[in-house]
């Protein structure tokens, strides 16, 4: 369905409408970039977290039998016990699900709506700009 460009009666009307549409398009384009950046950051954080979790799991698996095989009270055992406790604590901290408030689902939903809104709005704005530009060419002043 075409936009009602016939409501724009002069070049000045078209220019004003086009300027406004281009500004709105810039806003949506920046918003799209920000949403992409946030998604990339979330992916990077999840990847880092998984890598750290695996490294700590490997450390705990390696140190557990080592500590069990060392003589009690030796400096080597005390050092390795400290390392094992530290790795175990960090792993437990990573494995605890982040505290998700009641609004976490709502926030995720609204972010998904934002992404879809941008995906729909940008082509609409581009179409409106094209129609205004074409209509301006038909006007005499």
N, C-alpha and C. Protein backbone atom coordinates (compact mmCIF):
# COMPACT_ATOMS: atom_id res chain seq x y z
N UNK A 1 0.85 -1.16 0.00
CA UNK A 1 0.00 0.00 0.00
C UNK A 1 0.90 1.24 0.00
N UNK A 2 0.76 2.08 -0.99
CA UNK A 2 1.61 3.27 -1.07
C UNK A 2 1.29 4.28 0.03
N UNK A 3 2.29 5.06 0.35
CA UNK A 3 2.09 6.11 1.33
C UNK A 3 1.31 7.26 0.68
N UNK A 4 0.59 8.06 1.44
CA UNK A 4 -0.22 9.15 0.87
C UNK A 4 0.63 10.38 0.54
N UNK A 5 1.57 10.19 -0.38
CA UNK A 5 2.47 11.29 -0.74
C UNK A 5 1.74 12.45 -1.41
N UNK A 6 0.54 12.20 -1.90
CA UNK A 6 -0.23 13.28 -2.53
C UNK A 6 -0.58 14.39 -1.53
N UNK A 7 -0.42 14.12 -0.24
CA UNK A 7 -0.65 15.14 0.78
C UNK A 7 0.48 16.18 0.80
N UNK A 8 1.62 15.81 0.21
CA UNK A 8 2.77 16.72 0.13
C UNK A 8 2.60 17.55 -1.15
N UNK A 9 2.38 18.83 -0.99
CA UNK A 9 1.99 19.66 -2.12
C UNK A 9 3.14 20.45 -2.74
N UNK A 10 4.24 20.59 -2.01
CA UNK A 10 5.36 21.39 -2.53
C UNK A 10 6.67 20.65 -2.31
N UNK A 11 7.71 21.18 -2.98
CA UNK A 11 9.06 20.62 -2.76
C UNK A 11 9.43 20.76 -1.28
N UNK A 12 9.07 21.88 -0.68
CA UNK A 12 9.39 22.11 0.73
C UNK A 12 8.71 21.06 1.62
N UNK A 13 7.47 20.72 1.30
CA UNK A 13 6.78 19.66 2.05
C UNK A 13 7.54 18.34 1.91
N UNK A 14 7.91 18.03 0.68
CA UNK A 14 8.63 16.78 0.42
C UNK A 14 9.98 16.78 1.13
N UNK A 15 10.68 17.92 1.05
CA UNK A 15 11.99 18.01 1.70
C UNK A 15 11.86 17.84 3.22
N UNK A 16 10.86 18.46 3.81
CA UNK A 16 10.65 18.35 5.26
C UNK A 16 10.30 16.92 5.65
N UNK A 17 9.41 16.30 4.88
CA UNK A 17 9.04 14.91 5.16
C UNK A 17 10.24 13.99 5.00
N UNK A 18 10.99 14.19 3.92
CA UNK A 18 12.15 13.34 3.66
C UNK A 18 13.21 13.52 4.75
N UNK A 19 13.44 14.74 5.16
CA UNK A 19 14.42 15.00 6.23
C UNK A 19 14.01 14.29 7.51
N UNK A 20 12.75 14.37 7.85
CA UNK A 20 12.25 13.71 9.05
C UNK A 20 12.37 12.19 8.94
N UNK A 21 12.01 11.66 7.78
CA UNK A 21 12.12 10.21 7.57
C UNK A 21 13.58 9.74 7.62
N UNK A 22 14.48 10.52 7.05
CA UNK A 22 15.90 10.15 7.06
C UNK A 22 16.46 10.16 8.48
N UNK A 23 16.03 11.13 9.29
CA UNK A 23 16.46 11.15 10.68
C UNK A 23 15.95 9.91 11.42
N UNK A 24 14.69 9.60 11.21
CA UNK A 24 14.11 8.40 11.85
C UNK A 24 14.83 7.14 11.38
N UNK A 25 15.16 7.09 10.09
CA UNK A 25 15.91 5.94 9.57
C UNK A 25 17.28 5.83 10.24
N UNK A 26 17.94 6.97 10.42
CA UNK A 26 19.24 6.94 11.12
C UNK A 26 19.09 6.41 12.53
N UNK A 27 18.04 6.83 13.22
CA UNK A 27 17.80 6.36 14.59
C UNK A 27 17.62 4.84 14.59
N UNK A 28 16.80 4.34 13.67
CA UNK A 28 16.57 2.89 13.62
C UNK A 28 17.83 2.14 13.21
N UNK A 29 18.64 2.73 12.33
CA UNK A 29 19.87 2.08 11.91
C UNK A 29 20.85 1.98 13.09
N UNK A 30 20.95 3.05 13.86
CA UNK A 30 21.81 3.02 15.05
C UNK A 30 21.28 2.00 16.05
N UNK A 31 19.97 2.00 16.23
CA UNK A 31 19.35 1.05 17.16
C UNK A 31 19.65 -0.39 16.73
N UNK A 32 19.59 -0.64 15.44
CA UNK A 32 19.90 -1.97 14.91
C UNK A 32 21.34 -2.33 15.22
N UNK A 33 22.25 -1.38 15.04
CA UNK A 33 23.66 -1.63 15.34
C UNK A 33 23.87 -1.91 16.82
N UNK A 34 23.18 -1.16 17.67
CA UNK A 34 23.29 -1.37 19.12
C UNK A 34 22.76 -2.75 19.50
N UNK A 35 21.64 -3.13 18.93
CA UNK A 35 21.08 -4.46 19.23
C UNK A 35 22.03 -5.56 18.77
N UNK A 36 22.66 -5.38 17.60
CA UNK A 36 23.64 -6.36 17.12
C UNK A 36 24.83 -6.43 18.06
N UNK A 37 25.30 -5.27 18.51
CA UNK A 37 26.43 -5.21 19.43
C UNK A 37 26.11 -5.92 20.74
N UNK A 38 24.92 -5.66 21.26
CA UNK A 38 24.52 -6.33 22.51
C UNK A 38 24.46 -7.85 22.34
N UNK A 39 23.95 -8.28 21.21
CA UNK A 39 23.90 -9.73 20.95
C UNK A 39 25.30 -10.31 20.86
N UNK A 40 26.21 -9.59 20.18
CA UNK A 40 27.59 -10.05 20.07
C UNK A 40 28.25 -10.12 21.44
N UNK A 41 28.02 -9.09 22.27
CA UNK A 41 28.60 -9.08 23.60
C UNK A 41 28.06 -10.24 24.45
N UNK A 42 26.79 -10.50 24.35
CA UNK A 42 26.19 -11.60 25.11
C UNK A 42 26.79 -12.93 24.66
N UNK A 43 26.99 -13.08 23.36
CA UNK A 43 27.59 -14.30 22.83
C UNK A 43 29.02 -14.45 23.33
N UNK A 44 29.77 -13.34 23.28
CA UNK A 44 31.16 -13.37 23.76
C UNK A 44 31.22 -13.73 25.24
N UNK A 45 30.33 -13.14 26.04
CA UNK A 45 30.32 -13.45 27.47
C UNK A 45 29.99 -14.92 27.70
N UNK A 46 29.03 -15.43 26.97
CA UNK A 46 28.65 -16.84 27.13
C UNK A 46 29.81 -17.75 26.71
N UNK A 47 30.50 -17.40 25.65
CA UNK A 47 31.64 -18.19 25.19
C UNK A 47 32.76 -18.16 26.23
N UNK A 48 33.06 -16.97 26.75
CA UNK A 48 34.10 -16.84 27.78
C UNK A 48 33.73 -17.64 29.02
N UNK A 49 32.47 -17.55 29.40
CA UNK A 49 32.01 -18.27 30.59
C UNK A 49 32.14 -19.78 30.39
N UNK A 50 31.77 -20.27 29.23
CA UNK A 50 31.88 -21.70 28.94
C UNK A 50 33.34 -22.15 28.94
N UNK A 51 34.20 -21.33 28.38
CA UNK A 51 35.63 -21.65 28.34
C UNK A 51 36.22 -21.69 29.75
N UNK A 52 35.86 -20.70 30.56
CA UNK A 52 36.34 -20.65 31.94
C UNK A 52 35.81 -21.84 32.73
N UNK A 53 34.54 -22.15 32.53
CA UNK A 53 33.93 -23.29 33.22
C UNK A 53 34.67 -24.59 32.87
N UNK A 54 34.98 -24.78 31.59
CA UNK A 54 35.68 -25.99 31.16
C UNK A 54 37.09 -26.04 31.76
N UNK A 55 37.77 -24.92 31.76
CA UNK A 55 39.12 -24.87 32.33
C UNK A 55 39.10 -25.21 33.82
N UNK A 56 38.14 -24.66 34.54
CA UNK A 56 38.03 -24.95 35.97
C UNK A 56 37.64 -26.40 36.22
N UNK A 57 36.75 -26.94 35.40
CA UNK A 57 36.36 -28.35 35.53
C UNK A 57 37.59 -29.24 35.33
N UNK A 58 38.40 -28.91 34.32
CA UNK A 58 39.63 -29.67 34.07
C UNK A 58 40.60 -29.57 35.25
N UNK A 59 40.71 -28.37 35.82
CA UNK A 59 41.60 -28.16 36.97
C UNK A 59 41.14 -28.98 38.17
N UNK A 60 39.84 -28.94 38.46
CA UNK A 60 39.30 -29.71 39.59
C UNK A 60 39.52 -31.20 39.35
N UNK A 61 39.27 -31.66 38.14
CA UNK A 61 39.45 -33.09 37.82
C UNK A 61 40.91 -33.50 37.95
N UNK A 62 41.82 -32.61 37.61
CA UNK A 62 43.25 -32.93 37.69
C UNK A 62 43.74 -32.88 39.13
N UNK A 63 43.29 -31.89 39.91
CA UNK A 63 43.79 -31.71 41.27
C UNK A 63 43.19 -32.68 42.28
N UNK A 64 41.95 -33.10 42.07
CA UNK A 64 41.27 -33.96 43.06
C UNK A 64 42.06 -35.23 43.35
N UNK A 65 42.42 -36.03 42.34
CA UNK A 65 43.19 -37.23 42.66
C UNK A 65 44.63 -36.91 43.12
N UNK A 66 45.18 -35.81 42.63
CA UNK A 66 46.53 -35.42 43.04
C UNK A 66 46.57 -35.12 44.53
N UNK A 67 45.62 -34.32 45.00
CA UNK A 67 45.56 -33.96 46.43
C UNK A 67 45.33 -35.21 47.27
N UNK A 68 44.45 -36.09 46.80
CA UNK A 68 44.15 -37.31 47.55
C UNK A 68 45.39 -38.19 47.70
N UNK A 69 46.29 -38.13 46.74
CA UNK A 69 47.49 -38.98 46.79
C UNK A 69 48.66 -38.37 47.52
N UNK A 70 48.57 -37.12 47.95
CA UNK A 70 49.68 -36.47 48.65
C UNK A 70 49.57 -36.67 50.15
N UNK A 71 50.71 -36.69 50.80
CA UNK A 71 50.74 -36.89 52.25
C UNK A 71 50.16 -35.67 52.96
N UNK A 72 49.37 -35.94 53.97
CA UNK A 72 48.72 -34.86 54.73
C UNK A 72 49.76 -33.98 55.40
N UNK A 73 49.49 -32.68 55.40
CA UNK A 73 50.35 -31.73 56.10
C UNK A 73 51.56 -31.26 55.33
N UNK A 74 51.83 -31.83 54.16
CA UNK A 74 53.00 -31.39 53.39
C UNK A 74 52.68 -30.08 52.68
N UNK A 75 53.72 -29.32 52.39
CA UNK A 75 53.56 -28.03 51.72
C UNK A 75 52.93 -28.24 50.35
N UNK A 76 53.32 -29.30 49.67
CA UNK A 76 52.77 -29.57 48.34
C UNK A 76 51.27 -29.84 48.42
N UNK A 77 50.87 -30.62 49.42
CA UNK A 77 49.43 -30.91 49.56
C UNK A 77 48.66 -29.64 49.93
N UNK A 78 49.16 -28.84 50.85
CA UNK A 78 48.49 -27.62 51.26
C UNK A 78 48.33 -26.67 50.08
N UNK A 79 49.37 -26.53 49.26
CA UNK A 79 49.30 -25.67 48.08
C UNK A 79 48.26 -26.17 47.10
N UNK A 80 48.27 -27.46 46.83
CA UNK A 80 47.32 -28.03 45.88
C UNK A 80 45.89 -28.04 46.42
N UNK A 81 45.73 -28.21 47.74
CA UNK A 81 44.40 -28.12 48.33
C UNK A 81 43.84 -26.70 48.16
N UNK A 82 44.70 -25.69 48.37
CA UNK A 82 44.27 -24.31 48.19
C UNK A 82 43.85 -24.05 46.75
N UNK A 83 44.63 -24.55 45.80
CA UNK A 83 44.30 -24.40 44.38
C UNK A 83 42.98 -25.11 44.06
N UNK A 84 42.79 -26.31 44.63
CA UNK A 84 41.57 -27.07 44.39
C UNK A 84 40.36 -26.35 44.97
N UNK A 85 40.48 -25.84 46.20
CA UNK A 85 39.38 -25.09 46.81
C UNK A 85 39.03 -23.86 45.98
N UNK A 86 40.05 -23.16 45.55
CA UNK A 86 39.82 -21.95 44.75
C UNK A 86 39.12 -22.28 43.44
N UNK A 87 39.59 -23.29 42.74
CA UNK A 87 38.97 -23.68 41.47
C UNK A 87 37.55 -24.17 41.69
N UNK A 88 37.33 -24.93 42.76
CA UNK A 88 36.00 -25.45 43.07
C UNK A 88 35.04 -24.30 43.36
N UNK A 89 35.49 -23.34 44.15
CA UNK A 89 34.63 -22.19 44.48
C UNK A 89 34.27 -21.38 43.22
N UNK A 90 35.28 -21.12 42.40
CA UNK A 90 35.02 -20.35 41.17
C UNK A 90 34.07 -21.11 40.25
N UNK A 91 34.23 -22.43 40.17
CA UNK A 91 33.34 -23.24 39.34
C UNK A 91 31.92 -23.21 39.89
N UNK A 92 31.78 -23.31 41.20
CA UNK A 92 30.45 -23.23 41.81
C UNK A 92 29.80 -21.88 41.53
N UNK A 93 30.61 -20.82 41.63
CA UNK A 93 30.07 -19.47 41.35
C UNK A 93 29.59 -19.37 39.91
N UNK A 94 30.35 -19.94 38.98
CA UNK A 94 29.95 -19.90 37.57
C UNK A 94 28.71 -20.74 37.31
N UNK A 95 28.57 -21.83 38.04
CA UNK A 95 27.45 -22.73 37.81
C UNK A 95 26.15 -22.25 38.44
N UNK A 96 26.25 -21.29 39.35
CA UNK A 96 25.04 -20.72 39.94
C UNK A 96 24.38 -19.87 38.88
N UNK A 97 23.14 -20.17 38.61
CA UNK A 97 22.41 -19.39 37.61
C UNK A 97 22.33 -17.95 38.07
N UNK A 98 22.53 -17.00 37.17
CA UNK A 98 22.38 -15.61 37.57
C UNK A 98 20.98 -15.38 38.13
N UNK A 99 20.91 -14.54 39.11
CA UNK A 99 19.62 -14.25 39.71
C UNK A 99 18.76 -13.59 38.66
N UNK A 100 17.74 -14.30 38.24
CA UNK A 100 16.85 -13.78 37.20
C UNK A 100 15.60 -13.28 37.88
N UNK A 101 15.45 -11.98 37.90
CA UNK A 101 14.26 -11.39 38.51
C UNK A 101 13.03 -11.75 37.71
N UNK A 102 11.92 -11.45 38.28
CA UNK A 102 10.66 -11.77 37.62
C UNK A 102 10.56 -11.11 36.25
N UNK A 103 11.26 -9.99 36.07
CA UNK A 103 11.17 -9.25 34.82
C UNK A 103 12.14 -9.72 33.75
N UNK A 104 12.97 -10.71 34.03
CA UNK A 104 13.97 -11.14 33.05
C UNK A 104 13.31 -11.66 31.77
N UNK A 105 12.26 -12.42 31.90
CA UNK A 105 11.55 -12.93 30.73
C UNK A 105 10.90 -11.80 29.95
N UNK A 106 10.35 -10.84 30.68
CA UNK A 106 9.73 -9.69 30.03
C UNK A 106 10.78 -8.89 29.27
N UNK A 107 11.93 -8.68 29.89
CA UNK A 107 13.01 -7.93 29.25
C UNK A 107 13.48 -8.62 27.98
N UNK A 108 13.68 -9.92 28.05
CA UNK A 108 14.11 -10.68 26.86
C UNK A 108 13.06 -10.60 25.76
N UNK A 109 11.79 -10.72 26.16
CA UNK A 109 10.70 -10.61 25.19
C UNK A 109 10.71 -9.25 24.51
N UNK A 110 10.82 -8.18 25.31
CA UNK A 110 10.80 -6.83 24.75
C UNK A 110 12.01 -6.56 23.85
N UNK A 111 13.16 -7.15 24.17
CA UNK A 111 14.32 -7.02 23.30
C UNK A 111 14.06 -7.71 21.96
N UNK A 112 13.41 -8.86 22.00
CA UNK A 112 13.06 -9.55 20.75
C UNK A 112 12.09 -8.71 19.93
N UNK A 113 11.14 -8.05 20.60
CA UNK A 113 10.22 -7.16 19.90
C UNK A 113 10.99 -6.01 19.26
N UNK A 114 11.94 -5.45 19.99
CA UNK A 114 12.76 -4.35 19.44
C UNK A 114 13.47 -4.78 18.17
N UNK A 115 14.05 -5.97 18.19
CA UNK A 115 14.77 -6.46 17.01
C UNK A 115 13.82 -6.57 15.82
N UNK A 116 12.65 -7.15 16.04
CA UNK A 116 11.67 -7.29 14.95
C UNK A 116 11.13 -5.94 14.50
N UNK A 117 10.96 -5.03 15.43
CA UNK A 117 10.46 -3.70 15.08
C UNK A 117 11.45 -3.01 14.15
N UNK A 118 12.71 -3.08 14.46
CA UNK A 118 13.74 -2.47 13.61
C UNK A 118 13.73 -3.14 12.25
N UNK A 119 13.64 -4.45 12.24
CA UNK A 119 13.66 -5.19 10.97
C UNK A 119 12.50 -4.79 10.07
N UNK A 120 11.38 -4.43 10.66
CA UNK A 120 10.20 -4.03 9.87
C UNK A 120 10.25 -2.53 9.53
N UNK A 121 10.66 -1.72 10.48
CA UNK A 121 10.63 -0.27 10.30
C UNK A 121 11.61 0.22 9.24
N UNK A 122 12.80 -0.33 9.21
CA UNK A 122 13.83 0.17 8.28
C UNK A 122 13.36 0.08 6.83
N UNK A 123 12.88 -1.06 6.35
CA UNK A 123 12.39 -1.10 4.97
C UNK A 123 11.20 -0.16 4.72
N UNK A 124 10.33 -0.01 5.72
CA UNK A 124 9.19 0.90 5.57
C UNK A 124 9.67 2.34 5.41
N UNK A 125 10.63 2.72 6.23
CA UNK A 125 11.18 4.07 6.13
C UNK A 125 11.87 4.29 4.78
N UNK A 126 12.61 3.29 4.34
CA UNK A 126 13.29 3.39 3.04
C UNK A 126 12.26 3.53 1.91
N UNK A 127 11.17 2.79 2.01
CA UNK A 127 10.12 2.87 1.00
C UNK A 127 9.46 4.25 1.02
N UNK A 128 9.20 4.76 2.21
CA UNK A 128 8.59 6.08 2.33
C UNK A 128 9.49 7.15 1.73
N UNK A 129 10.78 7.06 1.99
CA UNK A 129 11.74 8.03 1.43
C UNK A 129 11.74 7.94 -0.09
N UNK A 130 11.72 6.72 -0.62
CA UNK A 130 11.71 6.54 -2.08
C UNK A 130 10.43 7.14 -2.69
N UNK A 131 9.31 6.92 -2.03
CA UNK A 131 8.05 7.45 -2.55
C UNK A 131 8.00 8.98 -2.47
N UNK A 132 8.51 9.55 -1.40
CA UNK A 132 8.54 11.02 -1.28
C UNK A 132 9.46 11.60 -2.35
N UNK A 133 10.61 10.96 -2.54
CA UNK A 133 11.57 11.43 -3.55
C UNK A 133 10.95 11.38 -4.95
N UNK A 134 10.27 10.29 -5.26
CA UNK A 134 9.62 10.16 -6.57
C UNK A 134 8.50 11.19 -6.73
N UNK A 135 7.73 11.39 -5.67
CA UNK A 135 6.64 12.37 -5.74
C UNK A 135 7.18 13.78 -5.91
N UNK A 136 8.27 14.09 -5.23
CA UNK A 136 8.87 15.44 -5.35
C UNK A 136 9.22 15.74 -6.80
N UNK A 137 9.70 14.71 -7.49
CA UNK A 137 10.10 14.90 -8.90
C UNK A 137 8.91 15.25 -9.78
N UNK A 138 7.70 14.94 -9.34
CA UNK A 138 6.51 15.24 -10.14
C UNK A 138 5.97 16.65 -9.89
N UNK A 139 6.47 17.30 -8.83
CA UNK A 139 5.96 18.64 -8.48
C UNK A 139 6.76 19.73 -9.20
N UNK A 140 6.13 20.86 -9.39
CA UNK A 140 6.81 21.97 -10.07
C UNK A 140 7.50 22.90 -9.08
N UNK A 141 7.07 22.91 -7.86
CA UNK A 141 7.75 23.78 -6.90
C UNK A 141 7.46 23.37 -5.49
